[in-house]
Amino acid sequence: MGGLIGAGVPLLLGTVFMTVGVLVGRRSRRLRQEGAQTRATVVGLKTHRDFDSNRTMYRPVVQWVTADGRTVEAESSVARNTVGDLRPGAAVTVFYDPDNPKRMLIDGHDGGVLVVVFCIVGSVCLAAGLLVAWFTVT
């Protein structure tokens, strides 16, 4: 019975990581396929301190004009520890939901690698949990 409980932690972690990876991946795919695409300008960077790594994290803030003429400013949902090419004044491509333009992603910045990492970590944790459960029961 103790082995089954020990399998619970990796199974829970695997489920959480896989769920986050799948949800972020679906959101990104949906915005790319069904959303509007336009050019935007990075107008600023929001910073905060990551307490785990003690690093400064940066979220680009972008501004663009929607197809119906509204000016929108939105902050990326993804923070990174480097600014890279996303300095104020940089031109970027964004995909956004025309009904809720603040729901957007910056092409090449949001989604891709994060989804893969979360799904890989989730898969490894799920496999470990299943192996622990399998060897405990047999």
N, C-alpha and C. Protein backbone atom coordinates (compact mmCIF):
# COMPACT_ATOMS: atom_id res chain seq x y z
N MET A 1 0.82 -1.20 0.00
CA MET A 1 0.00 0.00 0.00
C MET A 1 0.86 1.26 0.00
N GLY A 2 2.00 1.24 0.72
CA GLY A 2 2.87 2.40 0.79
C GLY A 2 3.44 2.78 -0.57
N GLY A 3 3.70 1.77 -1.43
CA GLY A 3 4.21 2.03 -2.77
C GLY A 3 3.20 2.75 -3.63
N LEU A 4 1.93 2.39 -3.44
CA LEU A 4 0.87 3.07 -4.20
C LEU A 4 0.78 4.54 -3.80
N ILE A 5 0.96 4.79 -2.51
CA ILE A 5 0.96 6.19 -2.06
C ILE A 5 2.17 6.91 -2.63
N GLY A 6 3.32 6.22 -2.66
CA GLY A 6 4.53 6.80 -3.24
C GLY A 6 4.37 7.10 -4.73
N ALA A 7 3.52 6.36 -5.41
CA ALA A 7 3.27 6.60 -6.83
C ALA A 7 2.39 7.83 -7.03
N GLY A 8 1.68 8.21 -5.98
CA GLY A 8 0.73 9.33 -6.09
C GLY A 8 1.39 10.66 -6.40
N VAL A 9 2.56 10.92 -5.81
CA VAL A 9 3.23 12.22 -6.02
C VAL A 9 3.64 12.38 -7.48
N PRO A 10 4.39 11.42 -8.06
CA PRO A 10 4.73 11.62 -9.48
C PRO A 10 3.51 11.61 -10.39
N LEU A 11 2.49 10.81 -10.05
CA LEU A 11 1.28 10.82 -10.87
C LEU A 11 0.58 12.17 -10.82
N LEU A 12 0.52 12.77 -9.63
CA LEU A 12 -0.10 14.08 -9.47
C LEU A 12 0.70 15.14 -10.23
N LEU A 13 2.03 15.15 -10.02
CA LEU A 13 2.87 16.11 -10.73
C LEU A 13 2.77 15.93 -12.24
N GLY A 14 2.81 14.69 -12.69
CA GLY A 14 2.70 14.43 -14.13
C GLY A 14 1.39 14.92 -14.69
N THR A 15 0.31 14.70 -13.95
CA THR A 15 -1.00 15.16 -14.40
C THR A 15 -1.05 16.68 -14.49
N VAL A 16 -0.51 17.36 -13.48
CA VAL A 16 -0.51 18.82 -13.48
C VAL A 16 0.32 19.36 -14.65
N PHE A 17 1.54 18.85 -14.82
CA PHE A 17 2.40 19.33 -15.91
C PHE A 17 1.78 19.06 -17.28
N MET A 18 1.24 17.86 -17.47
CA MET A 18 0.62 17.54 -18.76
C MET A 18 -0.59 18.43 -19.01
N THR A 19 -1.40 18.67 -17.99
CA THR A 19 -2.59 19.52 -18.15
C THR A 19 -2.19 20.93 -18.55
N VAL A 20 -1.21 21.50 -17.85
CA VAL A 20 -0.74 22.85 -18.19
C VAL A 20 -0.19 22.87 -19.62
N GLY A 21 0.64 21.91 -19.97
CA GLY A 21 1.21 21.85 -21.32
C GLY A 21 0.16 21.76 -22.40
N VAL A 22 -0.83 20.89 -22.19
CA VAL A 22 -1.90 20.72 -23.18
C VAL A 22 -2.75 21.98 -23.29
N LEU A 23 -3.11 22.58 -22.16
CA LEU A 23 -3.94 23.79 -22.19
C LEU A 23 -3.23 24.96 -22.87
N VAL A 24 -1.96 25.16 -22.53
CA VAL A 24 -1.20 26.25 -23.16
C VAL A 24 -1.03 25.96 -24.65
N GLY A 25 -0.76 24.72 -25.00
CA GLY A 25 -0.61 24.34 -26.41
C GLY A 25 -1.89 24.55 -27.20
N ARG A 26 -3.02 24.17 -26.61
CA ARG A 26 -4.31 24.36 -27.29
C ARG A 26 -4.61 25.84 -27.48
N ARG A 27 -4.33 26.64 -26.45
CA ARG A 27 -4.58 28.08 -26.54
C ARG A 27 -3.73 28.70 -27.64
N SER A 28 -2.46 28.33 -27.69
CA SER A 28 -1.56 28.86 -28.72
C SER A 28 -2.02 28.43 -30.11
N ARG A 29 -2.34 27.17 -30.26
CA ARG A 29 -2.78 26.66 -31.56
C ARG A 29 -4.07 27.34 -32.00
N ARG A 30 -5.00 27.52 -31.07
CA ARG A 30 -6.28 28.16 -31.40
C ARG A 30 -6.05 29.60 -31.85
N LEU A 31 -5.20 30.34 -31.12
CA LEU A 31 -4.94 31.73 -31.52
C LEU A 31 -4.26 31.79 -32.89
N ARG A 32 -3.35 30.87 -33.16
CA ARG A 32 -2.67 30.87 -34.46
C ARG A 32 -3.62 30.52 -35.60
N GLN A 33 -4.54 29.60 -35.35
CA GLN A 33 -5.45 29.14 -36.41
C GLN A 33 -6.68 30.02 -36.57
N GLU A 34 -7.25 30.50 -35.47
CA GLU A 34 -8.52 31.21 -35.54
C GLU A 34 -8.43 32.69 -35.22
N GLY A 35 -7.31 33.11 -34.63
CA GLY A 35 -7.16 34.50 -34.23
C GLY A 35 -6.72 35.39 -35.38
N ALA A 36 -6.67 36.67 -35.11
CA ALA A 36 -6.18 37.64 -36.08
C ALA A 36 -4.67 37.78 -35.90
N GLN A 37 -3.98 38.07 -36.97
CA GLN A 37 -2.53 38.25 -36.94
C GLN A 37 -2.22 39.67 -37.38
N THR A 38 -1.31 40.32 -36.68
CA THR A 38 -0.92 41.67 -37.04
C THR A 38 0.48 41.98 -36.53
N ARG A 39 1.00 43.11 -36.93
CA ARG A 39 2.28 43.58 -36.42
C ARG A 39 2.01 44.46 -35.20
N ALA A 40 2.88 44.34 -34.23
CA ALA A 40 2.76 45.12 -33.01
C ALA A 40 4.14 45.68 -32.67
N THR A 41 4.15 46.61 -31.74
CA THR A 41 5.39 47.20 -31.27
C THR A 41 5.54 46.93 -29.79
N VAL A 42 6.75 46.53 -29.39
CA VAL A 42 7.03 46.37 -27.96
C VAL A 42 7.12 47.79 -27.38
N VAL A 43 6.26 48.08 -26.40
CA VAL A 43 6.24 49.43 -25.82
C VAL A 43 6.82 49.47 -24.42
N GLY A 44 7.13 48.33 -23.85
CA GLY A 44 7.71 48.31 -22.52
C GLY A 44 7.98 46.90 -22.04
N LEU A 45 8.54 46.81 -20.86
CA LEU A 45 8.82 45.53 -20.22
C LEU A 45 8.36 45.61 -18.78
N LYS A 46 7.55 44.64 -18.37
CA LYS A 46 7.18 44.51 -16.96
C LYS A 46 8.19 43.58 -16.33
N THR A 47 8.70 43.96 -15.18
CA THR A 47 9.70 43.12 -14.51
C THR A 47 9.19 42.67 -13.15
N HIS A 48 9.67 41.53 -12.75
CA HIS A 48 9.44 41.05 -11.38
C HIS A 48 10.59 40.11 -11.02
N ARG A 49 10.75 39.89 -9.75
CA ARG A 49 11.83 39.04 -9.25
C ARG A 49 11.31 37.63 -9.06
N ASP A 50 12.00 36.65 -9.64
CA ASP A 50 11.66 35.26 -9.43
C ASP A 50 12.38 34.82 -8.16
N PHE A 51 11.61 34.47 -7.14
CA PHE A 51 12.21 34.15 -5.84
C PHE A 51 12.97 32.83 -5.85
N ASP A 52 12.57 31.89 -6.71
CA ASP A 52 13.27 30.60 -6.76
C ASP A 52 14.67 30.74 -7.33
N SER A 53 14.80 31.48 -8.43
CA SER A 53 16.11 31.61 -9.08
C SER A 53 16.81 32.92 -8.73
N ASN A 54 16.11 33.82 -8.04
CA ASN A 54 16.62 35.14 -7.68
C ASN A 54 17.05 35.93 -8.93
N ARG A 55 16.28 35.77 -10.00
CA ARG A 55 16.55 36.47 -11.25
C ARG A 55 15.43 37.46 -11.54
N THR A 56 15.77 38.47 -12.30
CA THR A 56 14.75 39.39 -12.79
C THR A 56 14.11 38.76 -14.02
N MET A 57 12.79 38.75 -14.04
CA MET A 57 12.03 38.18 -15.15
C MET A 57 11.36 39.33 -15.92
N TYR A 58 11.28 39.18 -17.25
CA TYR A 58 10.75 40.23 -18.11
C TYR A 58 9.55 39.72 -18.90
N ARG A 59 8.49 40.54 -18.91
CA ARG A 59 7.31 40.28 -19.74
C ARG A 59 7.16 41.45 -20.70
N PRO A 60 7.25 41.21 -21.99
CA PRO A 60 7.07 42.31 -22.93
C PRO A 60 5.62 42.81 -22.95
N VAL A 61 5.48 44.11 -23.11
CA VAL A 61 4.18 44.74 -23.28
C VAL A 61 4.15 45.23 -24.72
N VAL A 62 3.12 44.83 -25.47
CA VAL A 62 3.04 45.19 -26.88
C VAL A 62 1.78 46.01 -27.15
N GLN A 63 1.85 46.77 -28.24
CA GLN A 63 0.71 47.61 -28.63
C GLN A 63 0.49 47.45 -30.14
N TRP A 64 -0.79 47.39 -30.52
CA TRP A 64 -1.14 47.27 -31.93
C TRP A 64 -2.54 47.85 -32.13
N VAL A 65 -2.92 47.97 -33.39
CA VAL A 65 -4.26 48.43 -33.76
C VAL A 65 -5.00 47.25 -34.36
N THR A 66 -6.18 46.95 -33.82
CA THR A 66 -6.97 45.82 -34.30
C THR A 66 -7.57 46.13 -35.67
N ALA A 67 -8.12 45.11 -36.30
CA ALA A 67 -8.73 45.28 -37.62
C ALA A 67 -9.87 46.29 -37.59
N ASP A 68 -10.56 46.41 -36.43
CA ASP A 68 -11.66 47.38 -36.33
C ASP A 68 -11.22 48.73 -35.78
N GLY A 69 -9.91 48.96 -35.70
CA GLY A 69 -9.39 50.28 -35.36
C GLY A 69 -9.11 50.56 -33.89
N ARG A 70 -9.28 49.58 -33.02
CA ARG A 70 -8.99 49.80 -31.60
C ARG A 70 -7.49 49.66 -31.34
N THR A 71 -6.95 50.56 -30.52
CA THR A 71 -5.57 50.44 -30.08
C THR A 71 -5.56 49.59 -28.82
N VAL A 72 -4.76 48.55 -28.82
CA VAL A 72 -4.70 47.61 -27.71
C VAL A 72 -3.28 47.53 -27.19
N GLU A 73 -3.15 47.49 -25.88
CA GLU A 73 -1.87 47.27 -25.23
C GLU A 73 -2.04 46.07 -24.31
N ALA A 74 -1.17 45.09 -24.46
CA ALA A 74 -1.30 43.86 -23.67
C ALA A 74 0.07 43.35 -23.25
N GLU A 75 0.08 42.72 -22.09
CA GLU A 75 1.30 42.15 -21.53
C GLU A 75 1.34 40.66 -21.84
N SER A 76 2.51 40.18 -22.25
CA SER A 76 2.68 38.76 -22.54
C SER A 76 2.42 37.94 -21.28
N SER A 77 1.90 36.75 -21.48
CA SER A 77 1.67 35.85 -20.34
C SER A 77 2.93 35.08 -19.98
N VAL A 78 3.97 35.19 -20.81
CA VAL A 78 5.21 34.45 -20.59
C VAL A 78 6.31 35.41 -20.16
N ALA A 79 6.96 35.09 -19.04
CA ALA A 79 8.10 35.87 -18.56
C ALA A 79 9.38 35.08 -18.83
N ARG A 80 10.41 35.81 -19.20
CA ARG A 80 11.72 35.19 -19.43
C ARG A 80 12.77 35.96 -18.65
N ASN A 81 13.91 35.31 -18.43
CA ASN A 81 14.97 35.97 -17.66
C ASN A 81 15.91 36.80 -18.54
N THR A 82 15.63 36.86 -19.82
CA THR A 82 16.38 37.72 -20.72
C THR A 82 15.41 38.51 -21.59
N VAL A 83 15.84 39.66 -22.04
CA VAL A 83 14.99 40.49 -22.90
C VAL A 83 15.08 40.01 -24.34
N GLY A 84 16.26 39.61 -24.76
CA GLY A 84 16.44 39.15 -26.14
C GLY A 84 16.11 40.24 -27.14
N ASP A 85 15.36 39.88 -28.17
CA ASP A 85 14.99 40.81 -29.23
C ASP A 85 13.76 41.65 -28.88
N LEU A 86 13.19 41.44 -27.73
CA LEU A 86 11.93 42.08 -27.38
C LEU A 86 12.13 43.38 -26.59
N ARG A 87 13.02 44.20 -27.06
CA ARG A 87 13.28 45.50 -26.43
C ARG A 87 12.24 46.50 -26.89
N PRO A 88 11.96 47.52 -26.07
CA PRO A 88 11.00 48.55 -26.50
C PRO A 88 11.39 49.13 -27.87
N GLY A 89 10.37 49.23 -28.71
CA GLY A 89 10.56 49.72 -30.07
C GLY A 89 10.62 48.61 -31.11
N ALA A 90 10.84 47.37 -30.66
CA ALA A 90 10.95 46.24 -31.59
C ALA A 90 9.59 45.93 -32.20
N ALA A 91 9.60 45.57 -33.48
CA ALA A 91 8.38 45.13 -34.16
C ALA A 91 8.26 43.62 -34.02
N VAL A 92 7.05 43.15 -33.69
CA VAL A 92 6.79 41.72 -33.51
C VAL A 92 5.46 41.38 -34.17
N THR A 93 5.26 40.09 -34.40
CA THR A 93 3.98 39.60 -34.88
C THR A 93 3.20 39.07 -33.69
N VAL A 94 1.92 39.44 -33.60
CA VAL A 94 1.06 38.92 -32.55
C VAL A 94 -0.15 38.24 -33.18
N PHE A 95 -0.63 37.23 -32.49
CA PHE A 95 -1.89 36.58 -32.81
C PHE A 95 -2.82 36.91 -31.65
N TYR A 96 -4.04 37.35 -31.94
CA TYR A 96 -4.95 37.74 -30.87
C TYR A 96 -6.38 37.33 -31.17
N ASP A 97 -7.16 37.26 -30.13
CA ASP A 97 -8.58 36.94 -30.23
C ASP A 97 -9.33 38.24 -30.54
N PRO A 98 -9.97 38.36 -31.70
CA PRO A 98 -10.66 39.61 -32.04
C PRO A 98 -11.75 40.01 -31.03
N ASP A 99 -12.35 39.02 -30.37
CA ASP A 99 -13.38 39.31 -29.37
C ASP A 99 -12.78 39.75 -28.03
N ASN A 100 -11.55 39.37 -27.76
CA ASN A 100 -10.86 39.72 -26.53
C ASN A 100 -9.38 39.92 -26.86
N PRO A 101 -9.04 41.08 -27.46
CA PRO A 101 -7.69 41.27 -27.99
C PRO A 101 -6.57 41.13 -26.96
N LYS A 102 -6.86 41.33 -25.68
CA LYS A 102 -5.80 41.18 -24.68
C LYS A 102 -5.36 39.72 -24.56
N ARG A 103 -6.17 38.81 -25.09
CA ARG A 103 -5.77 37.40 -25.13
C ARG A 103 -4.96 37.23 -26.42
N MET A 104 -3.65 37.24 -26.26
CA MET A 104 -2.77 37.24 -27.42
C MET A 104 -1.51 36.46 -27.11
N LEU A 105 -0.75 36.22 -28.17
CA LEU A 105 0.58 35.65 -28.00
C LEU A 105 1.51 36.33 -28.99
N ILE A 106 2.75 36.44 -28.58
CA ILE A 106 3.77 37.02 -29.43
C ILE A 106 4.45 35.87 -30.16
N ASP A 107 4.42 35.94 -31.47
CA ASP A 107 5.00 34.87 -32.28
C ASP A 107 6.47 34.67 -31.92
N GLY A 108 6.85 33.44 -31.64
CA GLY A 108 8.23 33.12 -31.29
C GLY A 108 8.57 33.33 -29.83
N HIS A 109 7.65 33.87 -29.05
CA HIS A 109 7.92 34.13 -27.64
C HIS A 109 7.01 33.31 -26.72
N ASP A 110 5.78 33.18 -27.07
CA ASP A 110 4.81 32.51 -26.20
C ASP A 110 4.51 31.11 -26.71
N GLY A 111 4.46 30.17 -25.80
CA GLY A 111 3.94 28.86 -26.14
C GLY A 111 4.95 27.79 -26.41
N GLY A 112 5.44 27.68 -27.62
CA GLY A 112 6.22 26.57 -28.15
C GLY A 112 7.08 25.78 -27.21
N VAL A 113 8.19 26.33 -26.78
CA VAL A 113 9.15 25.60 -25.95
C VAL A 113 8.52 25.25 -24.60
N LEU A 114 7.76 26.17 -24.05
CA LEU A 114 7.11 25.93 -22.75
C LEU A 114 6.19 24.71 -22.82
N VAL A 115 5.43 24.61 -23.88
CA VAL A 115 4.53 23.47 -24.05
C VAL A 115 5.31 22.17 -24.09
N VAL A 116 6.37 22.14 -24.88
CA VAL A 116 7.18 20.92 -25.00
C VAL A 116 7.78 20.53 -23.66
N VAL A 117 8.34 21.50 -22.95
CA VAL A 117 8.96 21.22 -21.64
C VAL A 117 7.92 20.67 -20.67
N PHE A 118 6.78 21.32 -20.58
CA PHE A 118 5.75 20.85 -19.64
C PHE A 118 5.26 19.45 -20.01
N CYS A 119 5.08 19.16 -21.28
CA CYS A 119 4.62 17.84 -21.69
C CYS A 119 5.68 16.77 -21.44
N ILE A 120 6.95 17.09 -21.66
CA ILE A 120 8.02 16.12 -21.40
C ILE A 120 8.11 15.83 -19.90
N VAL A 121 8.12 16.88 -19.08
CA VAL A 121 8.18 16.67 -17.63
C VAL A 121 6.96 15.89 -17.16
N GLY A 122 5.79 16.24 -17.68
CA GLY A 122 4.57 15.52 -17.31
C GLY A 122 4.64 14.05 -17.69
N SER A 123 5.15 13.77 -18.89
CA SER A 123 5.27 12.38 -19.35
C SER A 123 6.23 11.58 -18.48
N VAL A 124 7.36 12.18 -18.14
CA VAL A 124 8.34 11.49 -17.30
C VAL A 124 7.75 11.20 -15.92
N CYS A 125 7.08 12.18 -15.33
CA CYS A 125 6.48 11.98 -14.01
C CYS A 125 5.38 10.91 -14.06
N LEU A 126 4.55 10.97 -15.09
CA LEU A 126 3.49 9.95 -15.21
C LEU A 126 4.09 8.56 -15.38
N ALA A 127 5.11 8.44 -16.22
CA ALA A 127 5.76 7.14 -16.42
C ALA A 127 6.37 6.63 -15.12
N ALA A 128 7.03 7.53 -14.38
CA ALA A 128 7.64 7.12 -13.10
C ALA A 128 6.56 6.66 -12.13
N GLY A 129 5.48 7.40 -12.05
CA GLY A 129 4.39 7.02 -11.14
C GLY A 129 3.78 5.69 -11.51
N LEU A 130 3.59 5.46 -12.81
CA LEU A 130 3.02 4.20 -13.25
C LEU A 130 3.97 3.03 -12.98
N LEU A 131 5.27 3.27 -13.18
CA LEU A 131 6.24 2.22 -12.87
C LEU A 131 6.26 1.87 -11.38
N VAL A 132 6.22 2.90 -10.53
CA VAL A 132 6.19 2.65 -9.09
C VAL A 132 4.93 1.85 -8.74
N ALA A 133 3.80 2.27 -9.28
CA ALA A 133 2.54 1.57 -9.00
C ALA A 133 2.60 0.12 -9.52
N TRP A 134 3.13 -0.06 -10.71
CA TRP A 134 3.21 -1.40 -11.31
C TRP A 134 4.07 -2.34 -10.47
N PHE A 135 5.24 -1.86 -10.07
CA PHE A 135 6.14 -2.73 -9.30
C PHE A 135 5.65 -2.94 -7.87
N THR A 136 4.83 -2.03 -7.37
CA THR A 136 4.29 -2.18 -6.02
C THR A 136 3.18 -3.22 -6.00
N VAL A 137 2.36 -3.22 -7.04
CA VAL A 137 1.22 -4.13 -7.10
C VAL A 137 1.65 -5.55 -7.47
N THR A 138 2.66 -5.68 -8.33
CA THR A 138 3.06 -7.02 -8.78
C THR A 138 4.01 -7.69 -7.83
